[in-house]
């Protein structure tokens, strides 16, 4: 854990603080401003869709100006979008709120690259641990995010406007910290330099396909069940405090394993750890299907978080085997676009399914993406047994 890596882990925590507060309050603010009730979650969707639309732009800025400049641009956008959200809340302008969260997606597209950048701050033999440790920085967001939203929601006359202003302060703090992180310089690109293989050729490699499936569908399952949990618990008659407790332990499960996931990947390989992530997701779904007691919600969501960590960290590490240094910006953008696309779909599907079909059928439906990840792992094992054994 060298100083630049530590600072990047803190920036990851501040990024997750932004994400958690947006998730916690955007729907509530949207509900109070939306002309129609079904539009309430459009600000939540805007954040995810904005991230998907920004992946290509972020890839170009990273390629041209390097990690630090691109990350700082993302943080400037985070500050401006937070201020716009605060203004939209104060002026009761729903469509400005949606536009501001769409803009904030640019910051999200940048923040999703912190984990890849972590591997560039250490020797190649330590990249698994670096990725894992930076993801562990998300624990900062798990602690700060909910408490910051709670303490600032009534700070101003307009509910939650203070929380948006607080996010502006979080962005400024992250800018200061990011200024001290020194990434490897962008290599000079002389005329006629080799830009690497076409993106389609990179994306059709088995290793890249499996890494993308693991990262995107792993995130999708997590998002599908996490977003539906508060609604399901409300239907079951649980108070909000119980739902908050379940979500808190879920987020701890997502990021606490980051302190040792890298060690496990280094020792056992990426594919076995992804397999454990699949098994944990299956166990989560089994517990969710077994009943709706508080302990069952708590255990299921905690295991869901740990399963996500194993899948996402190992998939990120596996993806690094599929591209060359000169191809990294395009390849990473393609992976993150897939993640955002699946998140956008599951953000919408989660609320629709749990309110129309119920928690039980939603949990059953979650078996489909988990099974697809399992099939992908078996496919690459059979297709490339020698390589798979070493990855």
Protein backbone atom coordinates (compact mmCIF):
# COMPACT_ATOMS: atom_id res chain seq x y z
CA UNK A 1 0.00 0.00 0.00
CA UNK A 2 2.21 2.83 -1.30
CA UNK A 3 1.07 6.47 -0.79
CA UNK A 4 -0.37 6.99 -4.31
CA UNK A 5 -2.35 3.75 -4.01
CA UNK A 6 -3.63 4.79 -0.59
CA UNK A 7 -4.76 8.17 -1.95
CA UNK A 8 -6.48 6.46 -4.88
CA UNK A 9 -8.28 4.14 -2.42
CA UNK A 10 -9.54 7.21 -0.53
CA UNK A 11 -10.69 8.75 -3.81
CA UNK A 12 -12.54 5.50 -4.50
CA UNK A 13 -14.22 5.89 -1.13
CA UNK A 14 -15.26 9.45 -1.94
CA UNK A 15 -16.56 8.24 -5.32
CA UNK A 16 -18.69 5.65 -3.54
CA UNK A 17 -19.88 8.36 -1.14
CA UNK A 18 -21.21 10.22 -4.18
CA UNK A 19 -22.85 7.07 -5.55
CA UNK A 20 -24.53 6.08 -2.29
CA UNK A 21 -25.93 9.54 -1.60
CA UNK A 22 -27.23 9.79 -5.16
CA UNK A 23 -28.91 6.40 -4.81
CA UNK A 24 -30.33 7.30 -1.40
CA UNK A 25 -31.80 10.71 -2.22
CA UNK A 26 -32.34 11.05 -5.98
CA UNK A 27 -35.48 8.93 -5.96
CA UNK A 28 -36.92 10.80 -2.98
CA UNK A 29 -36.18 14.21 -4.49
CA UNK A 30 -37.48 12.98 -7.82
CA UNK A 31 -40.71 11.80 -6.20
CA UNK A 32 -41.28 15.24 -4.69
CA UNK A 33 -40.67 17.02 -8.01
CA UNK A 34 -41.87 14.61 -10.70
CA UNK A 35 -45.06 15.55 -12.56
CA UNK A 36 -46.07 11.87 -12.52
CA UNK A 37 -45.23 9.26 -9.89
CA UNK A 38 -43.66 6.78 -12.32
CA UNK A 39 -41.06 9.42 -13.24
CA UNK A 40 -39.63 9.52 -9.73
CA UNK A 41 -36.70 7.22 -10.52
CA UNK A 42 -35.64 9.06 -13.69
CA UNK A 43 -32.91 10.94 -11.77
CA UNK A 44 -31.54 7.57 -10.62
CA UNK A 45 -31.65 6.27 -14.17
CA UNK A 46 -30.05 9.48 -15.42
CA UNK A 47 -26.92 8.84 -13.39
CA UNK A 48 -26.45 5.36 -14.84
CA UNK A 49 -27.34 6.32 -18.41
CA UNK A 50 -25.01 9.31 -18.20
CA UNK A 51 -22.22 6.96 -17.20
CA UNK A 52 -22.89 4.69 -20.16
CA UNK A 53 -22.95 7.60 -22.62
CA UNK A 54 -19.70 9.00 -21.21
CA UNK A 55 -17.51 5.92 -21.48
CA UNK A 56 -16.29 6.72 -24.98
CA UNK A 57 -15.53 10.37 -24.16
CA UNK A 58 -13.67 9.37 -21.01
CA UNK A 59 -11.62 6.83 -22.99
CA UNK A 60 -10.49 9.57 -25.37
CA UNK A 61 -9.56 11.99 -22.58
CA UNK A 62 -7.61 9.26 -20.80
CA UNK A 63 -5.75 8.40 -23.99
CA UNK A 64 -4.93 12.01 -24.82
CA UNK A 65 -4.18 13.56 -21.42
CA UNK A 66 -3.59 10.62 -19.08
CA UNK A 67 -5.20 9.36 -15.89
CA UNK A 68 -4.77 12.34 -13.60
CA UNK A 69 -6.07 15.04 -15.93
CA UNK A 70 -9.04 12.89 -16.94
CA UNK A 71 -9.85 12.06 -13.31
CA UNK A 72 -9.67 15.74 -12.36
CA UNK A 73 -12.03 16.66 -15.19
CA UNK A 74 -14.43 14.05 -13.82
CA UNK A 75 -14.22 15.62 -10.36
CA UNK A 76 -14.92 19.10 -11.78
CA UNK A 77 -18.02 17.62 -13.42
CA UNK A 78 -18.95 16.03 -10.07
CA UNK A 79 -18.78 19.44 -8.38
CA UNK A 80 -20.81 21.21 -11.08
CA UNK A 81 -23.46 18.49 -11.24
CA UNK A 82 -23.88 18.50 -7.45
CA UNK A 83 -24.42 22.26 -7.48
CA UNK A 84 -26.91 21.91 -10.35
CA UNK A 85 -28.80 19.23 -8.40
CA UNK A 86 -28.96 21.51 -5.37
CA UNK A 87 -30.27 24.36 -7.51
CA UNK A 88 -32.84 22.07 -9.17
CA UNK A 89 -34.09 20.95 -5.75
CA UNK A 90 -34.34 24.54 -4.51
CA UNK A 91 -36.16 25.75 -7.61
CA UNK A 92 -38.36 22.61 -7.84
CA UNK A 93 -37.17 21.93 -11.40
CA UNK A 94 -37.53 18.22 -12.09
CA UNK A 95 -36.04 18.18 -15.59
CA UNK A 96 -33.02 20.17 -14.47
CA UNK A 97 -32.49 17.52 -11.78
CA UNK A 98 -32.64 14.76 -14.40
CA UNK A 99 -30.20 16.67 -16.62
CA UNK A 100 -27.82 17.27 -13.71
CA UNK A 101 -27.73 13.58 -12.80
CA UNK A 102 -27.19 12.70 -16.47
CA UNK A 103 -24.19 15.04 -16.41
CA UNK A 104 -22.97 13.46 -13.17
CA UNK A 105 -22.70 10.18 -15.06
CA UNK A 106 -19.49 11.53 -16.59
CA UNK A 107 -17.92 11.45 -13.13
CA UNK A 108 -19.21 7.93 -12.64
CA UNK A 109 -17.58 6.81 -15.90
CA UNK A 110 -14.28 8.24 -14.61
CA UNK A 111 -14.61 6.74 -11.15
CA UNK A 112 -15.20 3.28 -12.59
CA UNK A 113 -11.66 3.44 -13.96
CA UNK A 114 -10.00 3.94 -10.57
CA UNK A 115 -9.74 0.17 -10.16
CA UNK A 116 -7.89 -0.21 -13.47
CA UNK A 117 -5.60 2.71 -12.66
CA UNK A 118 -4.65 1.01 -9.38
CA UNK A 119 -2.80 -1.72 -11.29
CA UNK A 120 -0.54 0.94 -12.84
CA UNK A 121 0.71 2.17 -9.46
CA UNK A 122 2.39 -1.10 -8.47
CA UNK A 123 4.64 -3.76 -9.96
CA UNK A 124 2.85 -6.22 -12.30
CA UNK A 125 3.10 -9.00 -9.73
CA UNK A 126 1.01 -6.94 -7.28
CA UNK A 127 -1.77 -5.73 -9.54
CA UNK A 128 -4.41 -8.14 -8.18
CA UNK A 129 -3.82 -6.83 -4.65
CA UNK A 130 -3.80 -3.22 -5.88
CA UNK A 131 -7.19 -3.59 -7.59
CA UNK A 132 -8.62 -5.31 -4.53
CA UNK A 133 -7.30 -2.72 -2.08
CA UNK A 134 -8.59 0.25 -4.06
CA UNK A 135 -12.03 -1.36 -4.23
CA UNK A 136 -11.80 -1.80 -0.46
CA UNK A 137 -11.67 1.99 -0.26
CA UNK A 138 -15.40 1.81 -0.92
CA UNK A 139 -15.82 1.14 2.80
CA UNK A 140 -15.25 4.87 3.29
CA UNK A 141 -18.32 5.52 1.20
CA UNK A 142 -20.28 2.90 3.13
CA UNK A 143 -19.57 4.78 6.36
CA UNK A 144 -19.64 8.39 5.19
CA UNK A 145 -22.37 8.26 2.53
CA UNK A 146 -25.47 7.34 4.57
CA UNK A 147 -24.39 9.43 7.56
CA UNK A 148 -23.61 12.48 5.41
CA UNK A 149 -27.02 12.25 3.73
CA UNK A 150 -28.71 11.89 7.11
CA UNK A 151 -26.88 14.86 8.67
CA UNK A 152 -27.33 17.24 5.74
CA UNK A 153 -30.80 16.40 4.40
CA UNK A 154 -32.44 19.16 6.48
CA UNK A 155 -29.45 21.53 6.55
CA UNK A 156 -31.31 23.93 4.25
CA UNK A 157 -34.95 24.92 3.87
CA UNK A 158 -35.31 22.63 0.85
CA UNK A 159 -35.04 18.94 1.83
CA UNK A 160 -31.84 17.28 0.56
CA UNK A 161 -30.46 20.47 -1.05
CA UNK A 162 -27.83 20.48 1.70
CA UNK A 163 -26.85 16.90 0.80
CA UNK A 164 -26.13 17.96 -2.77
CA UNK A 165 -24.00 20.87 -1.54
CA UNK A 166 -22.16 18.40 0.71
CA UNK A 167 -21.38 16.31 -2.36
CA UNK A 168 -19.78 19.38 -3.88
CA UNK A 169 -17.48 19.50 -0.86
CA UNK A 170 -16.68 15.80 -1.29
CA UNK A 171 -15.69 16.48 -4.92
CA UNK A 172 -13.37 19.31 -3.88
CA UNK A 173 -11.69 17.08 -1.29
CA UNK A 174 -11.20 14.38 -3.93
CA UNK A 175 -9.64 16.94 -6.30
CA UNK A 176 -7.06 17.87 -3.67
CA UNK A 177 -6.18 14.23 -2.98
CA UNK A 178 -6.06 13.31 -6.66
CA UNK A 179 -3.55 16.12 -7.28
CA UNK A 180 -0.99 14.15 -5.25
CA UNK A 181 -1.43 10.86 -7.15
CA UNK A 182 1.27 10.42 -9.78
CA UNK A 183 0.31 8.01 -12.54
CA UNK A 184 2.72 6.74 -15.19
CA UNK A 185 3.02 9.32 -18.00
CA UNK A 186 1.15 8.87 -21.24
CA UNK A 187 3.59 7.28 -23.73
CA UNK A 188 4.60 9.44 -26.66
CA UNK A 189 2.73 8.56 -29.84
CA UNK A 190 4.90 9.26 -32.88
CA UNK A 191 3.42 9.47 -36.34
CA UNK A 192 2.45 6.06 -37.62
CA UNK A 193 2.52 4.46 -34.16
CA UNK A 194 0.74 1.17 -33.57
CA UNK A 195 -2.64 1.88 -31.98
CA UNK A 196 -3.20 -1.80 -31.28
CA UNK A 197 -5.78 -4.23 -32.55
CA UNK A 198 -9.33 -3.24 -33.59
CA UNK A 199 -11.74 -3.12 -30.67
CA UNK A 200 -13.89 -5.89 -32.13
CA UNK A 201 -10.88 -8.21 -32.22
CA UNK A 202 -10.12 -7.42 -28.57
CA UNK A 203 -13.73 -7.92 -27.51
CA UNK A 204 -14.14 -11.30 -29.21
CA UNK A 205 -11.33 -12.94 -27.22
CA UNK A 206 -12.67 -15.57 -24.80
CA UNK A 207 -10.83 -13.99 -21.87
CA UNK A 208 -12.34 -10.57 -22.60
CA UNK A 209 -15.84 -11.98 -23.11
CA UNK A 210 -15.79 -13.87 -19.83
CA UNK A 211 -14.34 -10.91 -17.93
CA UNK A 212 -17.04 -8.62 -19.33
CA UNK A 213 -19.82 -11.10 -18.58
CA UNK A 214 -18.56 -11.55 -15.02
CA UNK A 215 -18.24 -7.81 -14.34
CA UNK A 216 -21.49 -6.68 -15.99
CA UNK A 217 -23.83 -9.50 -14.98
CA UNK A 218 -22.27 -9.65 -11.50
CA UNK A 219 -23.05 -5.96 -11.12
CA UNK A 220 -26.50 -6.55 -12.62
CA UNK A 221 -27.49 -9.23 -10.11
CA UNK A 222 -26.23 -7.10 -7.25
CA UNK A 223 -28.10 -4.02 -8.50
CA UNK A 224 -31.30 -5.97 -9.18
CA UNK A 225 -31.58 -7.37 -5.66
CA UNK A 226 -30.11 -4.40 -3.79
CA UNK A 227 -32.43 -1.83 -5.36
CA UNK A 228 -35.49 -4.02 -4.72
CA UNK A 229 -34.70 -4.80 -1.07
CA UNK A 230 -36.05 -1.58 0.53
CA UNK A 231 -39.30 -1.92 -1.44
CA UNK A 232 -39.65 -5.60 -0.57
CA UNK A 233 -38.99 -4.94 3.12
CA UNK A 234 -41.54 -2.11 3.13
CA UNK A 235 -44.15 -4.46 1.67
CA UNK A 236 -43.28 -6.95 4.43
CA UNK A 237 -43.92 -4.27 7.06
CA UNK A 238 -40.35 -3.58 8.16
CA UNK A 239 -39.46 -0.01 9.23
CA UNK A 240 -36.90 1.99 7.26
CA UNK A 241 -34.29 1.50 10.02
CA UNK A 242 -34.31 -2.25 9.35
CA UNK A 243 -33.88 -1.70 5.62
CA UNK A 244 -31.01 0.70 6.32
CA UNK A 245 -29.33 -1.94 8.50
CA UNK A 246 -29.63 -4.55 5.75
CA UNK A 247 -28.19 -2.19 3.14
CA UNK A 248 -25.36 -1.18 5.45
CA UNK A 249 -24.25 -4.79 5.87
CA UNK A 250 -24.68 -5.31 2.14
CA UNK A 251 -22.23 -2.48 1.39
CA UNK A 252 -19.80 -3.82 4.01
CA UNK A 253 -19.99 -7.19 2.24
CA UNK A 254 -19.22 -5.45 -1.06
CA UNK A 255 -16.03 -3.73 0.05
CA UNK A 256 -14.60 -5.31 3.21
CA UNK A 257 -13.33 -8.40 1.31
CA UNK A 258 -11.15 -6.05 -0.73
CA UNK A 259 -8.47 -6.38 1.93
CA UNK A 260 -7.94 -10.05 1.04
CA UNK A 261 -9.58 -10.75 -2.35
CA UNK A 262 -6.36 -9.82 -4.14
CA UNK A 263 -4.41 -12.34 -2.06
CA UNK A 264 -6.94 -15.05 -2.93
CA UNK A 265 -6.76 -14.23 -6.65
CA UNK A 266 -2.97 -14.31 -6.52
CA UNK A 267 -3.00 -17.72 -4.85
CA UNK A 268 -5.89 -19.51 -6.58
CA UNK A 269 -6.36 -17.61 -9.86
CA UNK A 270 -9.11 -15.44 -11.30
CA UNK A 271 -11.49 -18.11 -12.57
CA UNK A 272 -11.74 -20.05 -9.27
CA UNK A 273 -12.48 -16.81 -7.38
CA UNK A 274 -15.14 -15.91 -9.95
CA UNK A 275 -16.57 -19.38 -9.37
CA UNK A 276 -16.75 -18.70 -5.63
CA UNK A 277 -18.54 -15.43 -6.45
CA UNK A 278 -21.13 -17.38 -8.45
CA UNK A 279 -21.58 -19.85 -5.56
CA UNK A 280 -22.10 -16.98 -3.09
CA UNK A 281 -24.72 -15.45 -5.37
CA UNK A 282 -26.53 -18.77 -5.56
CA UNK A 283 -26.45 -19.06 -1.76
CA UNK A 284 -27.79 -15.51 -1.50
CA UNK A 285 -30.71 -16.33 -3.79
CA UNK A 286 -31.44 -19.56 -1.90
CA UNK A 287 -31.67 -17.63 1.37
CA UNK A 288 -33.84 -14.95 -0.26
CA UNK A 289 -36.21 -17.65 -1.50
CA UNK A 290 -36.37 -19.32 1.92
CA UNK A 291 -38.36 -16.53 3.59
CA UNK A 292 -38.72 -12.86 4.44
CA UNK A 293 -37.53 -12.66 8.04
CA UNK A 294 -35.14 -9.82 8.85
CA UNK A 295 -32.28 -12.29 9.34
CA UNK A 296 -32.90 -13.75 5.88
CA UNK A 297 -32.79 -10.33 4.23
CA UNK A 298 -29.64 -9.52 6.20
CA UNK A 299 -27.80 -12.75 5.35
CA UNK A 300 -28.87 -12.71 1.69
CA UNK A 301 -27.75 -9.12 1.07
CA UNK A 302 -24.45 -9.59 2.92
CA UNK A 303 -23.61 -12.65 0.80
CA UNK A 304 -24.71 -10.75 -2.30
CA UNK A 305 -22.16 -8.06 -1.49
CA UNK A 306 -19.31 -10.54 -0.95
CA UNK A 307 -20.23 -12.41 -4.13
CA UNK A 308 -20.17 -9.16 -6.08
CA UNK A 309 -16.71 -8.33 -4.70
CA UNK A 310 -15.28 -11.68 -5.76
CA UNK A 311 -16.82 -11.50 -9.24
CA UNK A 312 -16.01 -7.86 -9.91
CA UNK A 313 -12.44 -7.91 -8.59
CA UNK A 314 -11.55 -11.16 -10.37
CA UNK A 315 -13.24 -10.05 -13.60
CA UNK A 316 -11.27 -6.80 -13.57
CA UNK A 317 -8.03 -8.73 -13.07
CA UNK A 318 -8.94 -11.23 -15.81
CA UNK A 319 -9.71 -8.42 -18.27
CA UNK A 320 -6.16 -7.10 -17.94
CA UNK A 321 -4.92 -10.22 -19.73
CA UNK A 322 -6.95 -9.36 -22.83
CA UNK A 323 -5.43 -6.07 -23.96
CA UNK A 324 -2.06 -4.44 -24.52
CA UNK A 325 -1.03 -1.13 -22.91
CA UNK A 326 -1.84 0.85 -26.06
CA UNK A 327 -5.32 -0.75 -26.15
CA UNK A 328 -6.27 -0.24 -22.52
CA UNK A 329 -8.43 2.90 -22.89
CA UNK A 330 -10.72 1.41 -25.55
CA UNK A 331 -10.89 -1.99 -23.87
CA UNK A 332 -11.69 -0.58 -20.43
CA UNK A 333 -14.32 1.73 -21.92
CA UNK A 334 -16.00 -1.27 -23.57
CA UNK A 335 -16.12 -3.18 -20.27
CA UNK A 336 -17.50 -0.20 -18.36
CA UNK A 337 -20.10 0.49 -21.06
CA UNK A 338 -21.34 -3.08 -20.63
CA UNK A 339 -21.49 -2.61 -16.85
CA UNK A 340 -23.44 0.65 -17.16
CA UNK A 341 -25.83 -0.81 -19.74
CA UNK A 342 -26.70 -3.74 -17.49
CA UNK A 343 -27.03 -1.43 -14.48
CA UNK A 344 -29.41 0.84 -16.40
CA UNK A 345 -31.60 -2.12 -17.32
CA UNK A 346 -31.62 -3.62 -13.82
CA UNK A 347 -32.25 -0.22 -12.19
CA UNK A 348 -35.50 -0.04 -14.11
CA UNK A 349 -36.36 -3.73 -13.93
CA UNK A 350 -35.79 -4.01 -10.18
CA UNK A 351 -38.57 -1.64 -9.14
CA UNK A 352 -40.93 -2.85 -11.86
CA UNK A 353 -40.47 -6.53 -11.01
CA UNK A 354 -40.65 -6.29 -7.23
CA UNK A 355 -43.79 -4.13 -7.32
CA UNK A 356 -45.62 -6.27 -9.90
CA UNK A 357 -44.22 -9.80 -9.42
CA UNK A 358 -42.99 -9.75 -5.83
CA UNK A 359 -39.72 -10.52 -4.05
CA UNK A 360 -39.97 -14.30 -4.58
CA UNK A 361 -40.23 -14.15 -8.39
CA UNK A 362 -37.60 -11.41 -8.56
CA UNK A 363 -35.20 -13.67 -6.65
CA UNK A 364 -35.98 -16.57 -8.99
CA UNK A 365 -35.33 -14.31 -11.97
CA UNK A 366 -31.90 -13.45 -10.54
CA UNK A 367 -30.87 -17.04 -11.20
CA UNK A 368 -30.72 -16.33 -14.94
CA UNK A 369 -27.73 -13.92 -14.98
CA UNK A 370 -25.95 -15.96 -12.30
CA UNK A 371 -26.37 -19.09 -14.41
CA UNK A 372 -25.03 -17.24 -17.48
CA UNK A 373 -21.86 -16.32 -15.58
CA UNK A 374 -21.47 -19.95 -14.53
CA UNK A 375 -21.88 -21.12 -18.14
CA UNK A 376 -19.27 -18.58 -19.28
CA UNK A 377 -16.78 -19.89 -16.71
CA UNK A 378 -17.34 -23.48 -17.79
CA UNK A 379 -17.03 -22.47 -21.45
CA UNK A 380 -13.61 -20.86 -21.03
CA UNK A 381 -12.44 -23.79 -18.92
CA UNK A 382 -13.30 -26.19 -21.75
CA UNK A 383 -12.09 -23.88 -24.53
CA UNK A 384 -8.71 -23.02 -23.00
CA UNK A 385 -7.96 -25.56 -20.27
CA UNK A 386 -4.26 -24.78 -20.05
CA UNK A 387 -4.73 -21.02 -19.91
CA UNK A 388 -7.75 -21.25 -17.65
CA UNK A 389 -5.82 -23.27 -15.13
CA UNK A 390 -3.30 -20.47 -14.75
CA UNK A 391 -5.78 -17.53 -14.67
